[in-house]
Amino acid sequence: RRTSAVPATITRPVPHLACLRAPARARLGAGAMAPPSSESEDNAPPVPITKWTPAFEAVLKQICVDYEGQDPKVRDGMATGMRRLFEKPFEVELGHLSACRGRTGTAPGPMSTEDAQRVIFFPQLADMQVYVDAFGLLTPEGTARREKLMKFKLLCIFYTLHRKDGALADRFMHCGGLESLCDMVGDDSDRADIIRSQAVELLMELLEPQMQLPVASSPRQAHLHHQIWRCLRSRAFWQNFARIIADPAERFPRSHENCTRIIAGAIGWMRPEERCIPEAVAPPDVSEAADAIRAYLGGSKGIRPDIRGIAEDLLEELTVGLKMKEDPLQGEALEDAREDLFEDEAVRRESSAHAWQALRRLGNDAFKKGLIWPAEAAYGLALQEGGTQLPDHEASLILSNRSLMLLKAGHPADAARSAAEALRRDPRNAKAAYRRAVGLEALASAEIAPGDGAAALRRGLRFAEEAFEAAELAARLEAKDAKVAELLQKAKGRLEELRQAEAASSPAEAEVAPQVDAADAAADDGAALDGMD
């Protein structure tokens, strides 16, 4: 996809993309973001429940945020489309992509439903390579309809959701995502206007902050600049943006203006610094871009003065000839940077660290939106996916948050267990101590109904003692917190109440209690907190 450049002169500088701030997000109408549907998908059997199923509602809520306040039919249509995508996540097509890259010589097979759901809705950093490969696919409508549909839906979900995750966006660019978006800009399908609009906006958003740093400060940054350099010299970049500018019709909001800005910014960034030798190879063929700018200037009467000035400067430079700097990262330095970025163990560590942080944010966001069980599921997944990369202090915070969700869902025993594990990870977690006390106090309260017998009374007493101990710990850690002080007094009162009730129990009950208590303990072992650690 790569072409080259030769030195040339310029009479007036073309503005840098960083100086041409990206406009507000282009909208193509209420349904522009909705993924295309497939009639063949409707007859497929339902997929089994996976580990991602409980947390999916939290992701769906994030996706639908952009549709709040719009026509309910549009919003519901988007939600329905995302649910169908979760149920039927292109296992065969994604498996083929993974096989082509990772298992050379091996016959491609379907990806598991669980893995495919992860790639689309809960991606790891390494999954960004799948997006890059998908966006670069050649997908003729007649022979690759399913692949084209997959590509469009992946772009939709990346545009709507994953671009907001800085770590995913960074990995996407390192994997060659900028060039793949240039390929998407050239899409000529029935949905071309939507696809091009999303791809152009993504390119502006991803390129602008990088172009504000003309000199790389680290090998990792230099590798990003290498990927930008490859993108801006690619045939797809010049050809596809030229075709949008040359089209007399405004195919999506500000299509001519945005594409002109991107080309102007590209030339500004690619221009060599003073006293630097330009690249001594053939430049990309920019004749089509020059013709497009010329036609745009001659045929459009409503061009804003600032955009007309940019276009005129751009045409002048394209006509005279381009000067382009050398690749910022080459040879052995490039190989070393790629090894550091893509070495298996390094990717595994980064992916695990990103996973627990992303899933914790998902849980926090779900809780704020009132989605208790999806939040609890997200916290559980954060603990699972973080593995050895999850520090004890952070694990304690996640477990404490999970305990809060379980309390709100009316599961005090599970909440107390989660809080106890949080305290094991970090004994100074005051919130975990408080939530463990709340859960145990609720269990103690549930055991003192009249007529429950001595066995229930003893269970309640045990819970009350543990609740008082947890409340005392919370009070030591947060001595000035009024809620903690109130809970401590409540736990103390509950403990005294149960001790008095035990003292007042009849000798007859006390004699039969050991047999009843043993039977109850065997049946209720899951609720006992003594041996959980």
Protein backbone atom coordinates (compact mmCIF):
# COMPACT_ATOMS: atom_id res chain seq x y z
CA ARG A 1 0.00 0.00 0.00
CA ARG A 2 3.02 2.25 0.20
CA THR A 3 4.31 4.88 -2.22
CA SER A 4 7.08 7.45 -1.88
CA ALA A 5 8.02 11.15 -2.16
CA VAL A 6 10.73 13.47 -3.62
CA PRO A 7 11.96 16.87 -2.46
CA ALA A 8 10.33 20.02 -3.76
CA THR A 9 9.86 23.66 -2.83
CA ILE A 10 6.90 25.47 -1.35
CA THR A 11 6.08 29.15 -1.39
CA ARG A 12 3.60 29.24 1.50
CA PRO A 13 3.25 26.75 4.39
CA VAL A 14 0.22 24.52 4.54
CA PRO A 15 -1.45 24.56 7.97
CA HIS A 16 -0.68 21.68 10.30
CA LEU A 17 -3.58 19.35 11.12
CA ALA A 18 -3.16 20.22 14.79
CA CYS A 19 -4.06 23.81 13.95
CA LEU A 20 -7.18 22.68 12.12
CA ARG A 21 -9.27 21.42 14.99
CA ALA A 22 -11.61 18.59 14.10
CA PRO A 23 -15.20 19.77 13.94
CA ALA A 24 -18.00 18.32 15.99
CA ARG A 25 -18.88 14.73 15.20
CA ALA A 26 -20.56 14.39 11.83
CA ARG A 27 -24.06 12.97 11.95
CA LEU A 28 -25.85 11.40 9.06
CA GLY A 29 -29.27 11.26 10.63
CA ALA A 30 -30.71 9.29 13.50
CA GLY A 31 -30.00 5.84 12.10
CA ALA A 32 -26.53 6.44 10.74
CA MET A 33 -24.78 4.40 13.38
CA ALA A 34 -27.10 1.41 13.33
CA PRO A 35 -25.39 -1.74 12.05
CA PRO A 36 -26.80 -3.40 8.94
CA SER A 37 -29.01 -6.41 9.53
CA SER A 38 -28.80 -9.82 7.97
CA GLU A 39 -31.87 -11.89 7.22
CA SER A 40 -29.86 -15.12 7.30
CA GLU A 41 -28.95 -14.48 10.94
CA ASP A 42 -32.52 -14.50 12.24
CA ASN A 43 -33.06 -18.25 11.86
CA ALA A 44 -29.95 -19.33 13.77
CA PRO A 45 -30.47 -21.08 17.14
CA PRO A 46 -29.77 -19.08 20.31
CA VAL A 47 -26.23 -19.23 21.61
CA PRO A 48 -25.39 -20.58 25.06
CA ILE A 49 -24.78 -18.25 27.98
CA THR A 50 -21.12 -17.27 28.25
CA LYS A 51 -19.10 -15.51 30.92
CA TRP A 52 -19.71 -12.22 29.11
CA THR A 53 -23.51 -12.50 29.06
CA PRO A 54 -24.22 -10.97 32.52
CA ALA A 55 -22.06 -7.91 31.76
CA PHE A 56 -23.36 -7.32 28.23
CA GLU A 57 -26.17 -5.04 29.37
CA ALA A 58 -23.56 -2.65 30.78
CA VAL A 59 -21.81 -2.45 27.39
CA LEU A 60 -25.13 -2.05 25.58
CA LYS A 61 -26.02 0.86 27.83
CA GLN A 62 -22.75 2.59 26.90
CA ILE A 63 -23.41 2.04 23.20
CA CYS A 64 -26.92 3.47 23.41
CA VAL A 65 -25.86 6.65 25.22
CA ASP A 66 -25.45 8.43 21.87
CA TYR A 67 -29.08 7.67 21.07
CA GLU A 68 -30.68 9.13 24.18
CA GLY A 69 -33.23 11.74 23.20
CA GLN A 70 -33.63 10.36 19.69
CA ASP A 71 -36.57 8.58 18.13
CA PRO A 72 -37.31 5.52 20.33
CA LYS A 73 -37.56 3.36 17.20
CA VAL A 74 -34.00 4.29 16.23
CA ARG A 75 -32.69 3.68 19.74
CA ASP A 76 -34.51 0.36 20.03
CA GLY A 77 -33.29 -0.63 16.58
CA MET A 78 -29.69 -0.05 17.61
CA ALA A 79 -30.18 -2.06 20.80
CA THR A 80 -31.76 -4.92 18.87
CA GLY A 81 -28.92 -4.92 16.35
CA MET A 82 -26.31 -5.06 19.12
CA ARG A 83 -28.11 -7.91 20.85
CA ARG A 84 -28.16 -9.88 17.61
CA LEU A 85 -24.47 -9.19 17.14
CA PHE A 86 -23.76 -10.44 20.67
CA GLU A 87 -25.75 -13.61 20.03
CA LYS A 88 -24.21 -14.25 16.59
CA PRO A 89 -20.76 -12.64 16.70
CA PHE A 90 -19.31 -13.85 13.36
CA GLU A 91 -17.45 -16.82 14.83
CA VAL A 92 -16.50 -18.25 11.41
CA GLU A 93 -15.27 -14.99 9.91
CA LEU A 94 -13.33 -13.95 13.00
CA GLY A 95 -11.82 -17.42 13.24
CA HIS A 96 -10.64 -17.17 9.66
CA LEU A 97 -9.00 -13.80 10.33
CA SER A 98 -7.18 -15.14 13.39
CA ALA A 99 -6.06 -18.27 11.57
CA CYS A 100 -4.67 -16.32 8.64
CA ARG A 101 -2.48 -14.25 10.97
CA GLY A 102 -1.62 -16.60 13.80
CA ARG A 103 -1.68 -20.17 12.52
CA THR A 104 0.08 -20.24 9.17
CA GLY A 105 -0.56 -23.47 7.32
CA THR A 106 -3.47 -24.45 9.57
CA ALA A 107 -6.98 -24.80 8.22
CA PRO A 108 -9.09 -21.95 9.62
CA GLY A 109 -11.83 -22.89 12.05
CA PRO A 110 -14.57 -20.94 13.82
CA MET A 111 -13.70 -18.86 16.85
CA SER A 112 -15.61 -19.84 19.96
CA THR A 113 -18.71 -17.76 20.67
CA GLU A 114 -17.19 -16.57 23.94
CA ASP A 115 -13.98 -15.42 22.27
CA ALA A 116 -15.87 -13.74 19.43
CA GLN A 117 -18.04 -11.86 21.95
CA ARG A 118 -14.88 -10.72 23.71
CA VAL A 119 -13.29 -9.45 20.49
CA ILE A 120 -16.34 -7.37 19.61
CA PHE A 121 -17.63 -6.13 22.96
CA PHE A 122 -14.85 -6.67 25.54
CA PRO A 123 -11.67 -6.51 23.43
CA GLN A 124 -8.20 -7.08 24.77
CA LEU A 125 -5.36 -4.98 23.43
CA ALA A 126 -4.23 -7.83 21.17
CA ASP A 127 -7.71 -7.98 19.61
CA MET A 128 -7.10 -4.65 17.91
CA GLN A 129 -5.12 -6.56 15.29
CA VAL A 130 -8.36 -8.34 14.36
CA TYR A 131 -10.03 -4.96 13.75
CA VAL A 132 -7.11 -3.79 11.61
CA ASP A 133 -7.15 -6.99 9.53
CA ALA A 134 -10.94 -6.81 9.13
CA PHE A 135 -10.90 -3.18 7.97
CA GLY A 136 -8.30 -4.05 5.35
CA LEU A 137 -10.26 -6.94 3.85
CA LEU A 138 -11.33 -6.85 0.21
CA THR A 139 -15.03 -7.68 0.43
CA PRO A 140 -16.86 -7.75 -2.90
CA GLU A 141 -20.61 -7.78 -2.33
CA GLY A 142 -21.10 -10.80 -4.55
CA THR A 143 -18.52 -13.10 -2.97
CA ALA A 144 -17.82 -11.82 0.54
CA ARG A 145 -21.10 -10.50 1.88
CA ARG A 146 -20.67 -11.91 5.39
CA GLU A 147 -17.13 -10.53 5.63
CA LYS A 148 -18.34 -7.10 4.50
CA LEU A 149 -21.14 -7.19 7.08
CA MET A 150 -18.65 -8.13 9.79
CA LYS A 151 -16.33 -5.31 8.73
CA PHE A 152 -19.10 -2.73 8.89
CA LYS A 153 -20.30 -3.87 12.31
CA LEU A 154 -16.78 -3.84 13.72
CA LEU A 155 -16.32 -0.29 12.46
CA CYS A 156 -19.65 0.69 14.03
CA ILE A 157 -18.70 -0.71 17.43
CA PHE A 158 -15.18 0.75 17.26
CA TYR A 159 -16.53 4.17 16.28
CA THR A 160 -19.27 4.12 18.91
CA LEU A 161 -17.40 2.62 21.84
CA HIS A 162 -13.79 1.44 21.62
CA ARG A 163 -12.24 4.67 20.33
CA LYS A 164 -13.09 6.19 23.72
CA ASP A 165 -10.62 3.79 25.34
CA GLY A 166 -7.20 5.41 24.93
CA ALA A 167 -5.28 2.14 25.35
CA LEU A 168 -7.32 0.40 22.65
CA ALA A 169 -6.93 3.35 20.27
CA ASP A 170 -3.17 3.38 20.89
CA ARG A 171 -2.83 -0.35 20.17
CA PHE A 172 -5.05 -0.01 17.11
CA MET A 173 -2.63 2.54 15.64
CA HIS A 174 0.42 0.46 16.51
CA CYS A 175 -1.16 -2.50 14.67
CA GLY A 176 -1.59 -0.46 11.46
CA GLY A 177 -5.10 0.85 12.08
CA LEU A 178 -4.54 4.19 10.34
CA GLU A 179 -3.84 2.52 7.00
CA SER A 180 -6.83 0.23 7.44
CA LEU A 181 -9.09 3.24 8.01
CA CYS A 182 -7.80 4.72 4.75
CA ASP A 183 -9.01 1.52 3.07
CA MET A 184 -12.43 2.02 4.68
CA VAL A 185 -12.58 5.58 3.34
CA GLY A 186 -12.58 4.03 -0.13
CA ASP A 187 -15.62 1.85 0.51
CA ASP A 188 -18.05 1.93 -2.43
CA SER A 189 -20.93 -0.10 -1.02
CA ASP A 190 -24.53 0.95 -0.55
CA ARG A 191 -23.62 2.22 2.94
CA ALA A 192 -20.54 4.07 1.68
CA ASP A 193 -21.54 7.48 3.06
CA ILE A 194 -21.91 6.18 6.61
CA ILE A 195 -18.72 4.11 6.48
CA ARG A 196 -16.67 6.95 4.99
CA SER A 197 -17.98 9.46 7.50
CA GLN A 198 -17.02 7.26 10.43
CA ALA A 199 -13.60 6.41 8.97
CA VAL A 200 -12.78 10.06 8.20
CA GLU A 201 -13.80 11.21 11.66
CA LEU A 202 -11.76 8.44 13.28
CA LEU A 203 -8.70 9.40 11.25
CA MET A 204 -9.01 13.05 12.27
CA GLU A 205 -9.45 12.12 15.91
CA LEU A 206 -6.52 9.68 15.99
CA LEU A 207 -4.08 11.73 13.92
CA GLU A 208 -4.51 15.16 15.48
CA PRO A 209 -2.93 14.58 18.92
CA GLN A 210 -0.03 12.66 17.39
CA MET A 211 0.69 15.43 14.91
CA GLN A 212 1.12 17.88 17.75
CA LEU A 213 4.31 15.97 18.63
CA PRO A 214 6.53 16.25 15.53
CA VAL A 215 9.51 14.71 17.37
CA ALA A 216 9.13 11.33 19.08
CA SER A 217 10.31 11.18 22.69
CA SER A 218 10.48 7.38 23.00
CA PRO A 219 10.73 4.26 20.80
CA ARG A 220 7.03 3.64 21.35
CA GLN A 221 6.16 7.14 20.17
CA ALA A 222 8.55 6.74 17.24
CA HIS A 223 6.67 3.59 16.23
CA LEU A 224 3.41 5.54 16.20
CA HIS A 225 5.07 8.15 13.98
CA HIS A 226 6.25 5.33 11.73
CA GLN A 227 2.64 4.15 11.38
CA ILE A 228 1.48 7.70 10.63
CA TRP A 229 4.22 8.02 8.01
CA ARG A 230 3.10 4.78 6.36
CA CYS A 231 -0.52 5.93 6.38
CA LEU A 232 0.17 9.35 4.89
CA ARG A 233 2.29 7.91 2.09
CA SER A 234 -0.12 5.11 1.19
CA ARG A 235 -1.87 5.03 -2.14
CA ALA A 236 -5.21 4.51 -0.39
CA PHE A 237 -4.81 7.77 1.56
CA TRP A 238 -4.27 9.98 -1.48
CA GLN A 239 -6.65 8.20 -3.82
CA ASN A 240 -9.61 7.78 -1.49
CA PHE A 241 -9.57 11.28 -0.01
CA ALA A 242 -9.17 12.74 -3.49
CA ARG A 243 -12.30 10.93 -4.68
CA ILE A 244 -14.39 12.34 -1.84
CA ILE A 245 -13.18 15.89 -2.55
CA ALA A 246 -13.78 15.45 -6.30
CA ASP A 247 -17.38 14.32 -5.79
CA PRO A 248 -19.62 17.37 -6.47
CA ALA A 249 -22.09 16.14 -3.86
CA GLU A 250 -21.52 16.48 -0.12
CA ARG A 251 -21.87 12.78 0.66
CA PHE A 252 -21.71 13.25 4.43
CA PRO A 253 -21.60 16.37 6.62
CA ARG A 254 -18.55 18.54 5.81
CA SER A 255 -17.05 15.81 3.66
CA HIS A 256 -15.13 18.19 1.38
CA GLU A 257 -13.94 20.40 4.23
CA ASN A 258 -12.77 17.56 6.49
CA CYS A 259 -10.93 15.73 3.72
CA THR A 260 -9.20 18.96 2.68
CA ARG A 261 -8.12 19.51 6.27
CA ILE A 262 -6.70 16.01 6.56
CA ILE A 263 -4.64 16.27 3.35
CA ALA A 264 -3.35 19.71 4.39
CA GLY A 265 -2.37 18.40 7.80
CA ALA A 266 -0.70 15.38 6.25
CA ILE A 267 1.51 17.54 4.02
CA GLY A 268 2.40 19.77 6.96
CA TRP A 269 3.43 16.83 9.12
CA MET A 270 5.33 15.04 6.35
CA ARG A 271 7.35 18.15 5.44
CA PRO A 272 11.02 17.69 6.53
CA GLU A 273 12.47 19.94 9.19
CA GLU A 274 14.85 22.71 8.16
CA ARG A 275 18.36 21.47 7.27
CA CYS A 276 17.02 17.89 7.09
CA ILE A 277 17.49 15.92 3.89
CA PRO A 278 14.13 14.95 2.34
CA GLU A 279 13.38 11.38 1.42
CA ALA A 280 15.25 10.43 -1.75
CA VAL A 281 12.60 8.16 -3.28
CA ALA A 282 9.62 8.67 -5.54
CA PRO A 283 6.72 10.60 -3.98
CA PRO A 284 3.17 9.27 -3.88
CA ASP A 285 1.06 10.04 -6.93
CA VAL A 286 -0.79 13.17 -5.86
CA SER A 287 -2.08 14.17 -9.28
CA GLU A 288 -5.57 12.87 -8.50
CA ALA A 289 -5.61 14.88 -5.27
CA ALA A 290 -4.47 18.03 -7.12
CA ASP A 291 -7.22 17.58 -9.72
CA ALA A 292 -9.78 17.06 -6.95
CA ILE A 293 -8.76 20.23 -5.10
CA ARG A 294 -8.81 22.19 -8.36
CA ALA A 295 -12.33 20.95 -9.15
CA TYR A 296 -13.45 21.71 -5.59
CA LEU A 297 -12.21 25.29 -5.81
CA GLY A 298 -13.74 25.82 -9.22
CA GLY A 299 -17.11 24.23 -8.62
CA SER A 300 -18.07 25.11 -5.04
CA LYS A 301 -19.35 28.61 -4.36
CA GLY A 302 -20.10 28.15 -0.66
CA ILE A 303 -16.58 27.41 0.55
CA ARG A 304 -15.72 29.23 3.77
CA PRO A 305 -12.88 31.73 3.35
CA ASP A 306 -10.53 29.85 5.72
CA ILE A 307 -11.12 26.54 3.94
CA ARG A 308 -10.65 28.19 0.54
CA GLY A 309 -7.30 29.56 1.71
CA ILE A 310 -6.23 26.11 2.90
CA ALA A 311 -7.32 24.52 -0.38
CA GLU A 312 -5.46 27.14 -2.47
CA ASP A 313 -2.23 26.63 -0.51
CA LEU A 314 -2.70 22.89 -0.77
CA LEU A 315 -3.18 23.02 -4.55
CA GLU A 316 -0.06 25.15 -4.94
CA GLU A 317 2.09 22.69 -3.04
CA LEU A 318 0.63 19.66 -4.80
CA THR A 319 1.30 21.31 -8.15
CA VAL A 320 4.90 22.30 -7.39
CA GLY A 321 5.79 18.92 -5.87
CA LEU A 322 6.04 17.47 -2.40
CA LYS A 323 8.90 17.34 0.05
CA MET A 324 8.55 14.47 2.45
CA LYS A 325 10.66 13.51 5.44
CA GLU A 326 12.18 10.10 5.90
CA ASP A 327 10.54 7.30 7.84
CA PRO A 328 10.96 8.25 11.54
CA LEU A 329 11.80 4.64 12.45
CA GLN A 330 13.78 2.31 10.24
CA GLY A 331 15.98 -0.76 10.20
CA GLU A 332 17.17 -2.23 13.47
CA ALA A 333 15.50 0.48 15.56
CA LEU A 334 12.15 -0.42 13.98
CA GLU A 335 12.67 -4.13 14.65
CA ASP A 336 13.59 -3.44 18.28
CA ALA A 337 10.51 -1.26 18.78
CA ARG A 338 8.22 -3.88 17.27
CA GLU A 339 9.74 -6.60 19.43
CA ASP A 340 9.12 -4.54 22.55
CA LEU A 341 5.53 -3.83 21.48
CA PHE A 342 4.46 -7.21 20.15
CA GLU A 343 6.50 -9.76 22.09
CA ASP A 344 4.02 -12.35 23.42
CA GLU A 345 4.74 -11.90 27.13
CA ALA A 346 4.69 -8.11 26.87
CA VAL A 347 1.32 -8.21 25.07
CA ARG A 348 -0.08 -10.62 27.69
CA ARG A 349 0.96 -8.34 30.55
CA GLU A 350 -0.42 -5.22 28.90
CA SER A 351 -3.65 -6.97 27.91
CA SER A 352 -4.28 -8.24 31.45
CA ALA A 353 -3.54 -4.85 32.98
CA HIS A 354 -5.84 -3.13 30.49
CA ALA A 355 -8.59 -5.74 30.94
CA TRP A 356 -9.08 -5.31 34.68
CA GLN A 357 -9.01 -1.53 34.42
CA ALA A 358 -11.50 -1.44 31.54
CA LEU A 359 -13.85 -3.90 33.25
CA ARG A 360 -13.71 -1.99 36.53
CA ARG A 361 -14.62 1.21 34.66
CA LEU A 362 -17.47 -0.70 33.02
CA GLY A 363 -18.71 -1.81 36.43
CA ASN A 364 -18.51 1.71 37.85
CA ASP A 365 -20.39 3.10 34.86
CA ALA A 366 -23.07 0.40 35.10
CA PHE A 367 -23.59 1.12 38.80
CA LYS A 368 -24.05 4.84 38.09
CA LYS A 369 -26.73 3.89 35.57
CA GLY A 370 -28.52 1.65 38.06
CA LEU A 371 -27.48 -1.66 36.46
CA ILE A 372 -26.67 -3.61 39.63
CA TRP A 373 -26.18 -7.13 38.29
CA PRO A 374 -24.27 -6.09 35.15
CA ALA A 375 -22.00 -4.03 37.42
CA GLU A 376 -21.44 -7.02 39.71
CA ALA A 377 -20.65 -9.18 36.69
CA ALA A 378 -18.17 -6.62 35.34
CA TYR A 379 -16.35 -6.51 38.68
CA GLY A 380 -16.17 -10.30 38.69
CA LEU A 381 -14.73 -10.31 35.18
CA ALA A 382 -12.17 -7.68 36.19
CA LEU A 383 -10.91 -9.98 38.94
CA GLN A 384 -10.83 -12.92 36.55
CA GLU A 385 -9.20 -11.20 33.57
CA GLY A 386 -6.66 -9.26 35.63
CA GLY A 387 -4.89 -12.39 36.81
CA THR A 388 -1.40 -11.81 38.19
CA GLN A 389 -1.34 -8.27 36.78
CA LEU A 390 -4.00 -7.15 39.26
CA PRO A 391 -2.34 -5.65 42.38
CA ASP A 392 -3.80 -6.67 45.75
CA HIS A 393 -4.77 -3.09 46.58
CA GLU A 394 -6.74 -2.74 43.34
CA ALA A 395 -8.28 -6.19 43.73
CA SER A 396 -9.45 -5.18 47.20
CA LEU A 397 -11.19 -2.10 45.79
CA ILE A 398 -12.92 -4.16 43.09
CA LEU A 399 -14.03 -6.81 45.62
CA SER A 400 -15.37 -4.08 47.87
CA ASN A 401 -17.34 -2.60 44.97
CA ARG A 402 -18.68 -6.04 44.19
CA SER A 403 -19.74 -6.38 47.82
CA LEU A 404 -21.72 -3.16 47.53
CA MET A 405 -23.54 -4.49 44.45
CA LEU A 406 -24.44 -7.69 46.29
CA LEU A 407 -25.76 -5.71 49.26
CA LYS A 408 -27.95 -3.62 46.97
CA ALA A 409 -29.18 -6.79 45.26
CA GLY A 410 -30.23 -8.27 48.62
CA HIS A 411 -27.51 -10.91 48.98
CA PRO A 412 -25.85 -10.11 52.32
CA ALA A 413 -24.04 -13.45 52.70
CA ASP A 414 -22.33 -13.12 49.30
CA ALA A 415 -21.62 -9.47 50.04
CA ALA A 416 -19.94 -10.39 53.32
CA ARG A 417 -17.80 -13.00 51.58
CA SER A 418 -16.67 -10.55 48.89
CA ALA A 419 -15.85 -7.93 51.53
CA ALA A 420 -13.89 -10.50 53.56
CA GLU A 421 -11.80 -11.34 50.49
CA ALA A 422 -11.27 -7.61 49.93
CA LEU A 423 -9.92 -7.34 53.48
CA ARG A 424 -7.65 -10.31 52.91
CA ARG A 425 -6.16 -8.50 49.92
CA ASP A 426 -5.90 -5.19 51.80
CA PRO A 427 -6.58 -5.21 55.57
CA ARG A 428 -6.80 -1.40 55.57
CA ASN A 429 -9.78 -1.18 53.20
CA ALA A 430 -12.26 0.67 55.41
CA LYS A 431 -15.13 0.39 52.92
CA ALA A 432 -14.69 -3.38 52.76
CA ALA A 433 -14.81 -3.63 56.56
CA TYR A 434 -17.94 -1.47 56.62
CA ARG A 435 -19.68 -3.53 53.93
CA ARG A 436 -18.73 -6.82 55.59
CA ALA A 437 -20.26 -5.52 58.82
CA VAL A 438 -23.44 -4.46 57.00
CA GLY A 439 -23.81 -7.88 55.38
CA LEU A 440 -23.18 -9.79 58.59
CA GLU A 441 -25.51 -7.54 60.57
CA ALA A 442 -28.28 -8.26 58.05
CA LEU A 443 -27.63 -12.00 58.44
CA ALA A 444 -27.75 -11.71 62.22
CA SER A 445 -31.02 -9.80 62.04
CA ALA A 446 -32.56 -12.48 59.81
CA GLU A 447 -31.88 -15.19 62.41
CA ILE A 448 -33.80 -13.71 65.37
CA ALA A 449 -37.40 -14.23 64.23
CA PRO A 450 -39.59 -15.62 67.02
CA GLY A 451 -39.82 -19.41 67.07
CA ASP A 452 -36.71 -20.06 64.97
CA GLY A 453 -35.12 -22.12 67.73
CA ALA A 454 -31.73 -22.33 69.38
CA ALA A 455 -29.85 -23.30 66.22
CA ALA A 456 -30.95 -20.16 64.43
CA LEU A 457 -30.17 -18.12 67.52
CA ARG A 458 -26.63 -19.43 67.64
CA ARG A 459 -26.11 -18.71 63.95
CA GLY A 460 -27.42 -15.21 64.50
CA LEU A 461 -25.08 -14.75 67.45
CA ARG A 462 -22.12 -15.86 65.39
CA PHE A 463 -23.02 -13.44 62.63
CA ALA A 464 -23.54 -10.65 65.18
CA GLU A 465 -20.10 -11.24 66.72
CA GLU A 466 -18.42 -11.12 63.31
CA ALA A 467 -20.45 -8.04 62.34
CA PHE A 468 -19.32 -6.26 65.52
CA GLU A 469 -15.68 -7.18 64.84
CA ALA A 470 -15.93 -5.87 61.25
CA ALA A 471 -17.64 -2.68 62.45
CA GLU A 472 -14.89 -2.16 65.04
CA LEU A 473 -12.27 -2.52 62.29
CA ALA A 474 -14.12 -0.02 60.10
CA ALA A 475 -14.27 2.39 63.05
CA ARG A 476 -10.53 2.09 63.63
CA LEU A 477 -9.83 2.76 59.95
CA GLU A 478 -12.38 5.59 59.61
CA ALA A 479 -12.69 6.98 63.12
CA LYS A 480 -14.48 10.19 62.07
CA ASP A 481 -17.07 8.67 59.74
CA ALA A 482 -20.60 9.13 61.13
CA LYS A 483 -22.06 6.17 59.21
CA VAL A 484 -19.36 3.87 60.54
CA ALA A 485 -20.04 5.02 64.11
CA GLU A 486 -23.76 4.47 63.63
CA LEU A 487 -23.17 0.97 62.28
CA LEU A 488 -20.88 0.12 65.19
CA GLN A 489 -23.59 1.08 67.68
CA LYS A 490 -26.17 -0.93 65.74
CA ALA A 491 -23.91 -3.99 65.62
CA LYS A 492 -23.16 -3.68 69.33
CA GLY A 493 -26.87 -3.45 70.14
CA ARG A 494 -27.64 -6.48 67.96
CA LEU A 495 -24.92 -8.50 69.66
CA GLU A 496 -26.23 -7.63 73.14
CA GLU A 497 -29.77 -8.47 72.09
CA LEU A 498 -28.77 -11.92 70.83
CA ARG A 499 -26.64 -12.65 73.88
CA GLN A 500 -29.59 -11.86 76.12
CA ALA A 501 -31.84 -14.05 73.98
CA GLU A 502 -29.35 -16.92 74.25
CA ALA A 503 -29.12 -16.55 78.02
CA ALA A 504 -32.91 -16.66 78.27
CA SER A 505 -33.26 -19.82 76.14
CA SER A 506 -34.64 -22.88 77.99
CA PRO A 507 -32.39 -25.81 79.12
CA ALA A 508 -34.49 -28.17 77.02
CA GLU A 509 -33.67 -26.24 73.88
CA ALA A 510 -30.01 -26.15 74.84
CA GLU A 511 -29.90 -29.96 75.14
CA VAL A 512 -31.28 -30.63 71.66
CA ALA A 513 -29.52 -27.71 70.09
CA PRO A 514 -26.25 -29.49 69.23
CA GLN A 515 -28.09 -32.03 67.03
CA VAL A 516 -30.21 -29.37 65.33
CA ASP A 517 -27.21 -27.08 64.94
CA ALA A 518 -25.14 -29.78 63.27
CA ALA A 519 -27.87 -30.51 60.76
CA ASP A 520 -28.43 -26.84 60.03
CA ALA A 521 -24.68 -26.23 59.67
CA ALA A 522 -24.40 -29.02 57.14
CA ALA A 523 -27.30 -27.65 55.13
CA ASP A 524 -26.18 -24.02 55.54
CA ASP A 525 -22.43 -24.47 55.08
CA GLY A 526 -22.46 -22.10 52.10
CA ALA A 527 -23.58 -19.27 54.36
CA ALA A 528 -20.91 -19.81 57.00
CA LEU A 529 -18.08 -17.29 56.77
CA ASP A 530 -15.60 -18.97 59.11
CA GLY A 531 -13.58 -20.97 56.59
CA MET A 532 -13.99 -18.93 53.41
CA ASP A 533 -10.41 -17.61 53.32
